[in-house]
PDB file of N, CA and C in Angstrom:
ATOM      1  N   MET A   1      20.444  12.591  24.093  1.00  0.00           N
ATOM      2  CA  MET A   1      20.454  13.071  22.730  1.00  0.00           C
ATOM      3  C   MET A   1      19.828  12.032  21.816  1.00  0.00           C
ATOM      4  N   ASP A   2      18.811  12.428  21.047  1.00  0.00           N
ATOM      5  CA  ASP A   2      18.123  11.528  20.126  1.00  0.00           C
ATOM      6  C   ASP A   2      18.799  11.599  18.759  1.00  0.00           C
ATOM      7  N   THR A   3      19.421  10.516  18.353  1.00  0.00           N
ATOM      8  CA  THR A   3      20.118  10.493  17.064  1.00  0.00           C
ATOM      9  C   THR A   3      19.201  10.080  15.920  1.00  0.00           C
ATOM     10  N   HIS A   4      17.940   9.770  16.201  1.00  0.00           N
ATOM     11  CA  HIS A   4      17.004   9.300  15.188  1.00  0.00           C
ATOM     12  C   HIS A   4      16.088  10.400  14.669  1.00  0.00           C
ATOM     13  N   GLN A   5      16.379  11.639  14.943  1.00  0.00           N
ATOM     14  CA  GLN A   5      15.486  12.730  14.544  1.00  0.00           C
ATOM     15  C   GLN A   5      15.346  12.866  13.033  1.00  0.00           C
ATOM     16  N   ASN A   6      16.406  12.669  12.278  1.00  0.00           N
ATOM     17  CA  ASN A   6      16.372  12.864  10.836  1.00  0.00           C
ATOM     18  C   ASN A   6      16.276  11.559  10.054  1.00  0.00           C
ATOM     19  N   VAL A   7      15.943  10.473  10.719  1.00  0.00           N
ATOM     20  CA  VAL A   7      15.842   9.172  10.076  1.00  0.00           C
ATOM     21  C   VAL A   7      14.452   9.013   9.483  1.00  0.00           C
ATOM     22  N   THR A   8      14.404   8.617   8.215  1.00  0.00           N
ATOM     23  CA  THR A   8      13.124   8.357   7.561  1.00  0.00           C
ATOM     24  C   THR A   8      12.535   7.072   8.139  1.00  0.00           C
ATOM     25  N   PRO A   9      11.252   7.066   8.470  1.00  0.00           N
ATOM     26  CA  PRO A   9      10.664   5.856   9.048  1.00  0.00           C
ATOM     27  C   PRO A   9      10.601   4.719   8.021  1.00  0.00           C
ATOM     28  N   THR A  10      10.690   3.507   8.521  1.00  0.00           N
ATOM     29  CA  THR A  10      10.572   2.328   7.684  1.00  0.00           C
ATOM     30  C   THR A  10       9.100   2.017   7.432  1.00  0.00           C
ATOM     31  N   PHE A  11       8.263   2.331   8.416  1.00  0.00           N
ATOM     32  CA  PHE A  11       6.827   2.113   8.316  1.00  0.00           C
ATOM     33  C   PHE A  11       6.093   3.384   8.712  1.00  0.00           C
ATOM     34  N   PHE A  12       4.915   3.568   8.116  1.00  0.00           N
ATOM     35  CA  PHE A  12       4.030   4.666   8.477  1.00  0.00           C
ATOM     36  C   PHE A  12       2.735   4.086   9.024  1.00  0.00           C
ATOM     37  N   THR A  13       2.071   4.827   9.888  1.00  0.00           N
ATOM     38  CA  THR A  13       0.734   4.423  10.311  1.00  0.00           C
ATOM     39  C   THR A  13      -0.227   4.703   9.162  1.00  0.00           C
ATOM     40  N   VAL A  14      -1.386   4.105   9.216  1.00  0.00           N
ATOM     41  CA  VAL A  14      -2.398   4.344   8.189  1.00  0.00           C
ATOM     42  C   VAL A  14      -2.804   5.815   8.198  1.00  0.00           C
ATOM     43  N   GLY A  15      -2.910   6.398   9.375  1.00  0.00           N
ATOM     44  CA  GLY A  15      -3.265   7.817   9.476  1.00  0.00           C
ATOM     45  C   GLY A  15      -2.236   8.708   8.819  1.00  0.00           C
ATOM     46  N   GLU A  16      -0.951   8.390   9.012  1.00  0.00           N
ATOM     47  CA  GLU A  16       0.109   9.189   8.381  1.00  0.00           C
ATOM     48  C   GLU A  16       0.043   9.092   6.864  1.00  0.00           C
ATOM     49  N   VAL A  17      -0.143   7.875   6.350  1.00  0.00           N
ATOM     50  CA  VAL A  17      -0.224   7.692   4.897  1.00  0.00           C
ATOM     51  C   VAL A  17      -1.458   8.383   4.346  1.00  0.00           C
ATOM     52  N   ALA A  18      -2.571   8.296   5.059  1.00  0.00           N
ATOM     53  CA  ALA A  18      -3.796   8.969   4.613  1.00  0.00           C
ATOM     54  C   ALA A  18      -3.565  10.476   4.518  1.00  0.00           C
ATOM     55  N   ARG A  19      -2.873  11.039   5.495  1.00  0.00           N
ATOM     56  CA  ARG A  19      -2.564  12.474   5.441  1.00  0.00           C
ATOM     57  C   ARG A  19      -1.643  12.803   4.272  1.00  0.00           C
ATOM     58  N   ILE A  20      -0.625  11.961   4.044  1.00  0.00           N
ATOM     59  CA  ILE A  20       0.299  12.189   2.933  1.00  0.00           C
ATOM     60  C   ILE A  20      -0.448  12.146   1.601  1.00  0.00           C
ATOM     61  N   LEU A  21      -1.328  11.160   1.445  1.00  0.00           N
ATOM     62  CA  LEU A  21      -2.075  11.000   0.196  1.00  0.00           C
ATOM     63  C   LEU A  21      -3.320  11.879   0.131  1.00  0.00           C
ATOM     64  N   ARG A  22      -3.629  12.506   1.247  1.00  0.00           N
ATOM     65  CA  ARG A  22      -4.802  13.377   1.353  1.00  0.00           C
ATOM     66  C   ARG A  22      -6.098  12.624   1.043  1.00  0.00           C
ATOM     67  N   VAL A  23      -6.222  11.457   1.671  1.00  0.00           N
ATOM     68  CA  VAL A  23      -7.438  10.656   1.576  1.00  0.00           C
ATOM     69  C   VAL A  23      -7.929  10.368   2.982  1.00  0.00           C
ATOM     70  N   ASN A  24      -9.155   9.966   3.064  1.00  0.00           N
ATOM     71  CA  ASN A  24      -9.729   9.580   4.341  1.00  0.00           C
ATOM     72  C   ASN A  24      -9.100   8.257   4.782  1.00  0.00           C
ATOM     73  N   PRO A  25      -8.731   8.120   6.046  1.00  0.00           N
ATOM     74  CA  PRO A  25      -8.161   6.851   6.516  1.00  0.00           C
ATOM     75  C   PRO A  25      -9.076   5.656   6.248  1.00  0.00           C
ATOM     76  N   VAL A  26     -10.375   5.859   6.272  1.00  0.00           N
ATOM     77  CA  VAL A  26     -11.321   4.769   5.994  1.00  0.00           C
ATOM     78  C   VAL A  26     -11.112   4.236   4.577  1.00  0.00           C
ATOM     79  N   THR A  27     -10.866   5.139   3.636  1.00  0.00           N
ATOM     80  CA  THR A  27     -10.602   4.742   2.251  1.00  0.00           C
ATOM     81  C   THR A  27      -9.351   3.874   2.180  1.00  0.00           C
ATOM     82  N   LEU A  28      -8.338   4.269   2.916  1.00  0.00           N
ATOM     83  CA  LEU A  28      -7.095   3.515   2.922  1.00  0.00           C
ATOM     84  C   LEU A  28      -7.275   2.162   3.607  1.00  0.00           C
ATOM     85  N   TYR A  29      -7.982   2.129   4.717  1.00  0.00           N
ATOM     86  CA  TYR A  29      -8.255   0.845   5.385  1.00  0.00           C
ATOM     87  C   TYR A  29      -9.015  -0.091   4.451  1.00  0.00           C
ATOM     88  N   ARG A  30      -9.965   0.437   3.721  1.00  0.00           N
ATOM     89  CA  ARG A  30     -10.756  -0.373   2.778  1.00  0.00           C
ATOM     90  C   ARG A  30      -9.839  -0.963   1.704  1.00  0.00           C
ATOM     91  N   ALA A  31      -8.946  -0.140   1.164  1.00  0.00           N
ATOM     92  CA  ALA A  31      -8.017  -0.614   0.138  1.00  0.00           C
ATOM     93  C   ALA A  31      -7.074  -1.677   0.708  1.00  0.00           C
ATOM     94  N   ILE A  32      -6.631  -1.488   1.932  1.00  0.00           N
ATOM     95  CA  ILE A  32      -5.746  -2.471   2.574  1.00  0.00           C
ATOM     96  C   ILE A  32      -6.483  -3.789   2.738  1.00  0.00           C
ATOM     97  N   ARG A  33      -7.701  -3.745   3.211  1.00  0.00           N
ATOM     98  CA  ARG A  33      -8.478  -4.979   3.416  1.00  0.00           C
ATOM     99  C   ARG A  33      -8.801  -5.677   2.106  1.00  0.00           C
ATOM    100  N   ASP A  34      -8.883  -4.909   1.013  1.00  0.00           N
ATOM    101  CA  ASP A  34      -9.125  -5.477  -0.319  1.00  0.00           C
ATOM    102  C   ASP A  34      -7.829  -5.931  -0.981  1.00  0.00           C
ATOM    103  N   ASN A  35      -6.729  -5.892  -0.239  1.00  0.00           N
ATOM    104  CA  ASN A  35      -5.404  -6.234  -0.753  1.00  0.00           C
ATOM    105  C   ASN A  35      -5.004  -5.368  -1.933  1.00  0.00           C
ATOM    106  N   ALA A  36      -5.467  -4.132  -1.963  1.00  0.00           N
ATOM    107  CA  ALA A  36      -5.141  -3.205  -3.037  1.00  0.00           C
ATOM    108  C   ALA A  36      -4.059  -2.223  -2.618  1.00  0.00           C
ATOM    109  N   PHE A  37      -3.743  -2.206  -1.355  1.00  0.00           N
ATOM    110  CA  PHE A  37      -2.711  -1.303  -0.857  1.00  0.00           C
ATOM    111  C   PHE A  37      -1.873  -2.100   0.131  1.00  0.00           C
ATOM    112  N   PRO A  38      -0.565  -2.109  -0.041  1.00  0.00           N
ATOM    113  CA  PRO A  38       0.289  -2.945   0.811  1.00  0.00           C
ATOM    114  C   PRO A  38       0.353  -2.447   2.252  1.00  0.00           C
ATOM    115  N   ALA A  39       0.256  -3.391   3.149  1.00  0.00           N
ATOM    116  CA  ALA A  39       0.355  -3.075   4.574  1.00  0.00           C
ATOM    117  C   ALA A  39       0.761  -4.328   5.323  1.00  0.00           C
ATOM    118  N   VAL A  40       1.251  -4.120   6.518  1.00  0.00           N
ATOM    119  CA  VAL A  40       1.611  -5.213   7.411  1.00  0.00           C
ATOM    120  C   VAL A  40       0.664  -5.146   8.591  1.00  0.00           C
ATOM    121  N   ARG A  41       0.066  -6.271   8.911  1.00  0.00           N
ATOM    122  CA  ARG A  41      -0.846  -6.305  10.049  1.00  0.00           C
ATOM    123  C   ARG A  41      -0.081  -6.796  11.274  1.00  0.00           C
ATOM    124  N   ILE A  42      -0.160  -6.008  12.328  1.00  0.00           N
ATOM    125  CA  ILE A  42       0.439  -6.373  13.603  1.00  0.00           C
ATOM    126  C   ILE A  42      -0.691  -6.375  14.616  1.00  0.00           C
ATOM    127  N   ARG A  43      -1.137  -7.573  14.940  1.00  0.00           N
ATOM    128  CA  ARG A  43      -2.322  -7.755  15.774  1.00  0.00           C
ATOM    129  C   ARG A  43      -3.502  -7.041  15.137  1.00  0.00           C
ATOM    130  N   SER A  44      -4.003  -6.000  15.745  1.00  0.00           N
ATOM    131  CA  SER A  44      -5.174  -5.317  15.177  1.00  0.00           C
ATOM    132  C   SER A  44      -4.805  -4.034  14.435  1.00  0.00           C
ATOM    133  N   ARG A  45      -3.507  -3.758  14.299  1.00  0.00           N
ATOM    134  CA  ARG A  45      -3.048  -2.523  13.635  1.00  0.00           C
ATOM    135  C   ARG A  45      -2.408  -2.840  12.300  1.00  0.00           C
ATOM    136  N   TYR A  46      -2.531  -1.892  11.412  1.00  0.00           N
ATOM    137  CA  TYR A  46      -1.849  -1.974  10.121  1.00  0.00           C
ATOM    138  C   TYR A  46      -0.787  -0.885  10.067  1.00  0.00           C
ATOM    139  N   VAL A  47       0.340  -1.205   9.459  1.00  0.00           N
ATOM    140  CA  VAL A  47       1.363  -0.214   9.151  1.00  0.00           C
ATOM    141  C   VAL A  47       1.722  -0.387   7.680  1.00  0.00           C
ATOM    142  N   VAL A  48       2.101   0.720   7.060  1.00  0.00           N
ATOM    143  CA  VAL A  48       2.405   0.717   5.629  1.00  0.00           C
ATOM    144  C   VAL A  48       3.910   0.883   5.448  1.00  0.00           C
ATOM    145  N   PRO A  49       4.534  -0.032   4.701  1.00  0.00           N
ATOM    146  CA  PRO A  49       5.966   0.114   4.456  1.00  0.00           C
ATOM    147  C   PRO A  49       6.260   1.395   3.679  1.00  0.00           C
ATOM    148  N   ALA A  50       7.259   2.122   4.125  1.00  0.00           N
ATOM    149  CA  ALA A  50       7.644   3.351   3.431  1.00  0.00           C
ATOM    150  C   ALA A  50       8.032   3.044   1.991  1.00  0.00           C
ATOM    151  N   ALA A  51       8.628   1.885   1.753  1.00  0.00           N
ATOM    152  CA  ALA A  51       9.022   1.498   0.394  1.00  0.00           C
ATOM    153  C   ALA A  51       7.803   1.408  -0.526  1.00  0.00           C
ATOM    154  N   ALA A  52       6.679   0.921  -0.012  1.00  0.00           N
ATOM    155  CA  ALA A  52       5.464   0.827  -0.828  1.00  0.00           C
ATOM    156  C   ALA A  52       4.938   2.203  -1.185  1.00  0.00           C
ATOM    157  N   LEU A  53       4.976   3.110  -0.236  1.00  0.00           N
ATOM    158  CA  LEU A  53       4.527   4.481  -0.492  1.00  0.00           C
ATOM    159  C   LEU A  53       5.460   5.149  -1.496  1.00  0.00           C
ATOM    160  N   ASN A  54       6.763   4.952  -1.342  1.00  0.00           N
ATOM    161  CA  ASN A  54       7.736   5.524  -2.277  1.00  0.00           C
ATOM    162  C   ASN A  54       7.550   4.956  -3.682  1.00  0.00           C
ATOM    163  N   GLU A  55       7.226   3.664  -3.766  1.00  0.00           N
ATOM    164  CA  GLU A  55       6.987   3.020  -5.064  1.00  0.00           C
ATOM    165  C   GLU A  55       5.757   3.622  -5.744  1.00  0.00           C
ATOM    166  N   LEU A  56       4.709   3.834  -4.974  1.00  0.00           N
ATOM    167  CA  LEU A  56       3.494   4.441  -5.508  1.00  0.00           C
ATOM    168  C   LEU A  56       3.787   5.849  -6.025  1.00  0.00           C
ATOM    169  N   ILE A  57       4.520   6.613  -5.255  1.00  0.00           N
ATOM    170  CA  ILE A  57       4.879   7.980  -5.660  1.00  0.00           C
ATOM    171  C   ILE A  57       5.739   7.945  -6.925  1.00  0.00           C
ATOM    172  N   ALA A  58       6.691   7.027  -6.986  1.00  0.00           N
ATOM    173  CA  ALA A  58       7.547   6.906  -8.172  1.00  0.00           C
ATOM    174  C   ALA A  58       6.737   6.521  -9.400  1.00  0.00           C
ATOM    175  N   GLU A  59       5.763   5.631  -9.212  1.00  0.00           N
ATOM    176  CA  GLU A  59       4.914   5.203 -10.327  1.00  0.00           C
ATOM    177  C   GLU A  59       4.102   6.371 -10.880  1.00  0.00           C
ATOM    178  N   VAL A  60       3.541   7.165  -9.993  1.00  0.00           N
ATOM    179  CA  VAL A  60       2.766   8.332 -10.413  1.00  0.00           C
ATOM    180  C   VAL A  60       3.674   9.340 -11.117  1.00  0.00           C
ATOM    181  N   THR A  61       4.839   9.554 -10.552  1.00  0.00           N
ATOM    182  CA  THR A  61       5.773  10.522 -11.114  1.00  0.00           C
ATOM    183  C   THR A  61       6.260  10.094 -12.495  1.00  0.00           C
ATOM    184  N   SER A  62       6.604   8.829 -12.649  1.00  0.00           N
ATOM    185  CA  SER A  62       7.144   8.356 -13.921  1.00  0.00           C
ATOM    186  C   SER A  62       6.077   8.279 -15.004  1.00  0.00           C
ATOM    187  N   SER A  63       4.849   7.952 -14.618  1.00  0.00           N
ATOM    188  CA  SER A  63       3.782   7.849 -15.614  1.00  0.00           C
ATOM    189  C   SER A  63       3.286   9.224 -16.040  1.00  0.00           C
ATOM    190  N   GLY A  64       3.467  10.199 -15.165  1.00  0.00           N
ATOM    191  CA  GLY A  64       3.000  11.541 -15.472  1.00  0.00           C
ATOM    192  C   GLY A  64       1.492  11.646 -15.475  1.00  0.00           C
ATOM    193  N   GLY A  65       0.845  10.618 -14.986  1.00  0.00           N
ATOM    194  CA  GLY A  65      -0.605  10.596 -15.003  1.00  0.00           C
ATOM    195  C   GLY A  65      -1.193  10.382 -13.631  1.00  0.00           C
ATOM    196  N   CYS A  66      -2.399   9.946 -13.644  1.00  0.00           N
ATOM    197  CA  CYS A  66      -3.164   9.717 -12.421  1.00  0.00           C
ATOM    198  C   CYS A  66      -3.319   8.219 -12.207  1.00  0.00           C
ATOM    199  N   ILE A  67      -3.154   7.778 -10.997  1.00  0.00           N
ATOM    200  CA  ILE A  67      -3.385   6.380 -10.673  1.00  0.00           C
ATOM    201  C   ILE A  67      -4.767   6.280 -10.057  1.00  0.00           C
ATOM    202  N   ASP A  68      -5.596   5.472 -10.673  1.00  0.00           N
ATOM    203  CA  ASP A  68      -6.956   5.255 -10.192  1.00  0.00           C
ATOM    204  C   ASP A  68      -6.920   4.115  -9.177  1.00  0.00           C
ATOM    205  N   LEU A  69      -7.286   4.399  -7.945  1.00  0.00           N
ATOM    206  CA  LEU A  69      -7.223   3.387  -6.902  1.00  0.00           C
ATOM    207  C   LEU A  69      -8.120   2.200  -7.228  1.00  0.00           C
ATOM    208  N   ALA A  70      -9.283   2.446  -7.802  1.00  0.00           N
ATOM    209  CA  ALA A  70     -10.184   1.349  -8.176  1.00  0.00           C
ATOM    210  C   ALA A  70      -9.521   0.440  -9.205  1.00  0.00           C
ATOM    211  N   GLU A  71      -8.818   1.057 -10.166  1.00  0.00           N
ATOM    212  CA  GLU A  71      -8.107   0.278 -11.185  1.00  0.00           C
ATOM    213  C   GLU A  71      -6.967  -0.510 -10.547  1.00  0.00           C
ATOM    214  N   LEU A  72      -6.264   0.123  -9.622  1.00  0.00           N
ATOM    215  CA  LEU A  72      -5.172  -0.542  -8.920  1.00  0.00           C
ATOM    216  C   LEU A  72      -5.695  -1.726  -8.110  1.00  0.00           C
ATOM    217  N   ILE A  73      -6.838  -1.553  -7.469  1.00  0.00           N
ATOM    218  CA  ILE A  73      -7.461  -2.633  -6.699  1.00  0.00           C
ATOM    219  C   ILE A  73      -7.784  -3.803  -7.616  1.00  0.00           C
ATOM    220  N   ALA A  74      -8.422  -3.515  -8.746  1.00  0.00           N
ATOM    221  CA  ALA A  74      -8.803  -4.569  -9.682  1.00  0.00           C
ATOM    222  C   ALA A  74      -7.577  -5.295 -10.223  1.00  0.00           C
ATOM    223  N   LYS A  75      -6.529  -4.550 -10.552  1.00  0.00           N
ATOM    224  CA  LYS A  75      -5.295  -5.140 -11.089  1.00  0.00           C
ATOM    225  C   LYS A  75      -4.648  -6.057 -10.061  1.00  0.00           C
ATOM    226  N   ARG A  76      -4.518  -5.589  -8.836  1.00  0.00           N
ATOM    227  CA  ARG A  76      -3.884  -6.419  -7.797  1.00  0.00           C
ATOM    228  C   ARG A  76      -4.734  -7.628  -7.459  1.00  0.00           C
ATOM    229  N   ARG A  77      -6.051  -7.463  -7.481  1.00  0.00           N
ATOM    230  CA  ARG A  77      -6.932  -8.594  -7.202  1.00  0.00           C
ATOM    231  C   ARG A  77      -6.767  -9.657  -8.284  1.00  0.00           C
ATOM    232  N   MET A  78      -6.709  -9.238  -9.560  1.00  0.00           N
ATOM    233  CA  MET A  78      -6.537 -10.188 -10.661  1.00  0.00           C
ATOM    234  C   MET A  78      -5.180 -10.882 -10.558  1.00  0.00           C
ATOM    235  N   GLU A  79      -4.134 -10.129 -10.222  1.00  0.00           N
ATOM    236  CA  GLU A  79      -2.807 -10.724 -10.062  1.00  0.00           C
ATOM    237  C   GLU A  79      -2.805 -11.753  -8.937  1.00  0.00           C
ATOM    238  N   ARG A  80      -3.467 -11.421  -7.835  1.00  0.00           N
ATOM    239  CA  ARG A  80      -3.525 -12.335  -6.692  1.00  0.00           C
ATOM    240  C   ARG A  80      -4.285 -13.602  -7.060  1.00  0.00           C
ATOM    241  N   GLU A  81      -5.426 -13.444  -7.751  1.00  0.00           N
ATOM    242  CA  GLU A  81      -6.226 -14.597  -8.149  1.00  0.00           C
ATOM    243  C   GLU A  81      -5.481 -15.453  -9.164  1.00  0.00           C
ATOM    244  N   ALA A  82      -4.761 -14.821 -10.094  1.00  0.00           N
ATOM    245  CA  ALA A  82      -3.973 -15.573 -11.069  1.00  0.00           C
ATOM    246  C   ALA A  82      -2.877 -16.357 -10.366  1.00  0.00           C
ATOM    247  N   GLY A  83      -2.260 -15.749  -9.371  1.00  0.00           N
ATOM    248  CA  GLY A  83      -1.234 -16.446  -8.593  1.00  0.00           C
ATOM    249  C   GLY A  83      -1.792 -17.626  -7.832  1.00  0.00           C
ATOM    250  N   GLN A  84      -3.013 -17.475  -7.315  1.00  0.00           N
ATOM    251  CA  GLN A  84      -3.652 -18.579  -6.590  1.00  0.00           C
ATOM    252  C   GLN A  84      -3.994 -19.715  -7.532  1.00  0.00           C
ATOM    253  N   VAL A  85      -4.479 -19.369  -8.735  1.00  0.00           N
ATOM    254  CA  VAL A  85      -4.816 -20.394  -9.725  1.00  0.00           C
ATOM    255  C   VAL A  85      -3.545 -21.109 -10.166  1.00  0.00           C
ATOM    256  N   ALA A  86      -2.499 -20.354 -10.453  1.00  0.00           N
ATOM    257  CA  ALA A  86      -1.233 -20.941 -10.878  1.00  0.00           C
ATOM    258  C   ALA A  86      -0.644 -21.804  -9.766  1.00  0.00           C
ATOM    259  N   GLY A  87      -0.735 -21.338  -8.548  1.00  0.00           N
ATOM    260  CA  GLY A  87      -0.219 -22.100  -7.410  1.00  0.00           C
ATOM    261  C   GLY A  87      -1.031 -23.356  -7.167  1.00  0.00           C
ATOM    262  N   GLY A  88      -2.339 -23.268  -7.365  1.00  0.00           N
ATOM    263  CA  GLY A  88      -3.222 -24.425  -7.177  1.00  0.00           C
ATOM    264  C   GLY A  88      -3.060 -25.454  -8.265  1.00  0.00           C
ATOM    265  N   ALA A  89      -2.710 -25.009  -9.476  1.00  0.00           N
ATOM    266  CA  ALA A  89      -2.549 -25.921 -10.603  1.00  0.00           C
ATOM    267  C   ALA A  89      -1.327 -26.819 -10.439  1.00  0.00           C
ATOM    268  N   SER A  90      -0.321 -26.317  -9.745  1.00  0.00           N
ATOM    269  CA  SER A  90       0.914 -27.079  -9.608  1.00  0.00           C
ATOM    270  C   SER A  90       0.849 -28.098  -8.484  1.00  0.00           C
ATOM    271  N   GLN A  91      -0.200 -28.065  -7.695  1.00  0.00           N
ATOM    272  CA  GLN A  91      -0.275 -28.981  -6.559  1.00  0.00           C
ATOM    273  C   GLN A  91      -0.918 -30.286  -6.915  1.00  0.00           C
TER     274      GLN A  91
END
């Protein structure tokens, strides 16, 4: 008897997330490599935390608008670069 049938996964494959978001997996891989979409790399595979997907859905729902992936990429890139500059300044 499998007791895990109704358990929500902790991680999704990139293909599963692409299907949920209705985007091409290549688009999602590109965003992951640009550090614009959260993922965990396990050897040569990426998996997406369910919490990150839920956060994205909550953000879209609460804003009532559209999230532009290009804008999200630019925002996360700037945040990452600012963190690197701030981290480098303290050393």
